[in-house]
C-alpha atoms as a PDB file:
ATOM      1  CA  MET A   1     155.801  66.759 170.258  1.00  0.00           C
ATOM      2  CA  ASN A   2     151.813  67.661 170.447  1.00  0.00           C
ATOM      3  CA  PRO A   3     150.218  68.976 167.409  1.00  0.00           C
ATOM      4  CA  MET A   4     150.274  72.629 168.487  1.00  0.00           C
ATOM      5  CA  ASP A   5     154.242  72.580 169.211  1.00  0.00           C
ATOM      6  CA  GLN A   6     154.177  70.770 165.971  1.00  0.00           C
ATOM      7  CA  ILE A   7     152.488  74.030 164.513  1.00  0.00           C
ATOM      8  CA  MET A   8     154.596  76.258 165.966  1.00  0.00           C
ATOM      9  CA  GLU A   9     157.630  74.438 164.786  1.00  0.00           C
ATOM     10  CA  ARG A  10     156.441  75.327 161.076  1.00  0.00           C
ATOM     11  CA  GLU A  11     155.233  78.758 162.009  1.00  0.00           C
ATOM     12  CA  ILE A  12     159.113  79.331 163.560  1.00  0.00           C
ATOM     13  CA  ALA A  13     161.164  77.404 160.610  1.00  0.00           C
ATOM     14  CA  HIS A  14     158.703  79.399 157.818  1.00  0.00           C
ATOM     15  CA  LEU A  15     159.798  82.854 159.358  1.00  0.00           C
ATOM     16  CA  GLU A  16     163.386  81.784 159.890  1.00  0.00           C
ATOM     17  CA  GLN A  17     163.510  80.821 156.187  1.00  0.00           C
ATOM     18  CA  ILE A  18     161.611  84.439 155.010  1.00  0.00           C
ATOM     19  CA  VAL A  19     164.134  86.539 157.002  1.00  0.00           C
ATOM     20  CA  ARG A  20     167.002  84.909 155.737  1.00  0.00           C
ATOM     21  CA  MET A  21     165.305  85.827 152.388  1.00  0.00           C
ATOM     22  CA  LEU A  22     164.975  89.327 153.112  1.00  0.00           C
ATOM     23  CA  THR A  23     167.182  92.213 152.219  1.00  0.00           C
ATOM     24  CA  VAL A  24     167.505  95.880 153.601  1.00  0.00           C
ATOM     25  CA  ALA A  25     166.596  96.605 149.619  1.00  0.00           C
ATOM     26  CA  ASP A  26     163.117  94.417 149.709  1.00  0.00           C
ATOM     27  CA  ARG A  27     160.423  96.295 150.332  1.00  0.00           C
ATOM     28  CA  VAL A  28     158.337  94.141 152.779  1.00  0.00           C
ATOM     29  CA  ASP A  29     156.187  95.549 155.857  1.00  0.00           C
ATOM     30  CA  ILE A  30     158.338  95.114 158.642  1.00  0.00           C
ATOM     31  CA  LYS A  31     155.087  96.032 161.125  1.00  0.00           C
ATOM     32  CA  TYR A  32     153.741  92.469 159.656  1.00  0.00           C
ATOM     33  CA  TRP A  33     156.461  90.380 160.319  1.00  0.00           C
ATOM     34  CA  GLU A  34     156.956  92.173 163.822  1.00  0.00           C
ATOM     35  CA  ARG A  35     153.170  91.463 164.456  1.00  0.00           C
ATOM     36  CA  ARG A  36     153.588  87.513 163.400  1.00  0.00           C
ATOM     37  CA  VAL A  37     156.815  87.171 165.616  1.00  0.00           C
ATOM     38  CA  GLU A  38     155.006  88.784 168.510  1.00  0.00           C
ATOM     39  CA  ALA A  39     151.326  86.404 167.913  1.00  0.00           C
ATOM     40  CA  LEU A  40     153.745  83.682 167.997  1.00  0.00           C
ATOM     41  CA  LYS A  41     155.220  84.285 170.945  1.00  0.00           C
ATOM     42  CA  ALA A  42     152.006  84.672 172.803  1.00  0.00           C
ATOM     43  CA  ARG A  43     151.366  81.397 171.917  1.00  0.00           C
ATOM     44  CA  ALA A  44     154.595  79.711 172.437  1.00  0.00           C
ATOM     45  CA  SER A  45     155.227  77.279 175.549  1.00  0.00           C
ATOM     46  CA  VAL A  46     158.136  75.740 174.607  1.00  0.00           C
ATOM     47  CA  PRO A  47     161.785  77.822 175.933  1.00  0.00           C
ATOM     48  CA  MET A  48     163.675  76.900 172.723  1.00  0.00           C
ATOM     49  CA  HIS A  49     160.721  78.299 170.117  1.00  0.00           C
ATOM     50  CA  LEU A  50     160.703  81.494 172.199  1.00  0.00           C
ATOM     51  CA  THR A  51     164.626  81.686 171.878  1.00  0.00           C
ATOM     52  CA  ARG A  52     164.014  81.138 168.565  1.00  0.00           C
ATOM     53  CA  LEU A  53     161.582  83.954 168.067  1.00  0.00           C
ATOM     54  CA  GLU A  54     163.573  86.479 169.958  1.00  0.00           C
ATOM     55  CA  HIS A  55     166.510  85.650 167.495  1.00  0.00           C
ATOM     56  CA  ILE A  56     164.179  86.077 164.914  1.00  0.00           C
ATOM     57  CA  ALA A  57     162.709  89.510 166.388  1.00  0.00           C
ATOM     58  CA  VAL A  58     166.765  90.597 166.558  1.00  0.00           C
ATOM     59  CA  GLN A  59     166.795  89.962 163.014  1.00  0.00           C
ATOM     60  CA  ILE A  60     163.977  91.934 161.699  1.00  0.00           C
ATOM     61  CA  ASN A  61     164.754  95.088 163.770  1.00  0.00           C
ATOM     62  CA  ARG A  62     168.524  94.636 161.929  1.00  0.00           C
ATOM     63  CA  LEU A  63     166.330  95.094 159.029  1.00  0.00           C
ATOM     64  CA  ARG A  64     164.368  97.973 160.414  1.00  0.00           C
ATOM     65  CA  ILE A  65     167.472  99.752 160.826  1.00  0.00           C
ATOM     66  CA  GLY A  66     169.078  99.009 157.409  1.00  0.00           C
ATOM     67  CA  ALA A  67     171.279  96.642 158.442  1.00  0.00           C
ATOM     68  CA  SER A  68     171.424  92.985 156.737  1.00  0.00           C
ATOM     69  CA  PRO A  69     169.328  90.631 159.147  1.00  0.00           C
ATOM     70  CA  ASP A  70     172.587  88.362 159.741  1.00  0.00           C
ATOM     71  CA  ALA A  71     174.563  91.038 160.771  1.00  0.00           C
ATOM     72  CA  GLY A  72     175.953  91.067 164.537  1.00  0.00           C
END
């Protein structure tokens, strides 16, 4: 894995961890997390990274509508 892919992997793992910890009751800036995901998607070159980022985006959207990130 090249260095940029390693950085991307760490960023995605961090987002996955954060989103798992968030709940509907948390006062979080959803737009901030959406921007982070979109910025990473723009730089992602590995298909699996894009898949994981799409999953994170779905979880964040669930928070936006008041559902659990893992609902569905």
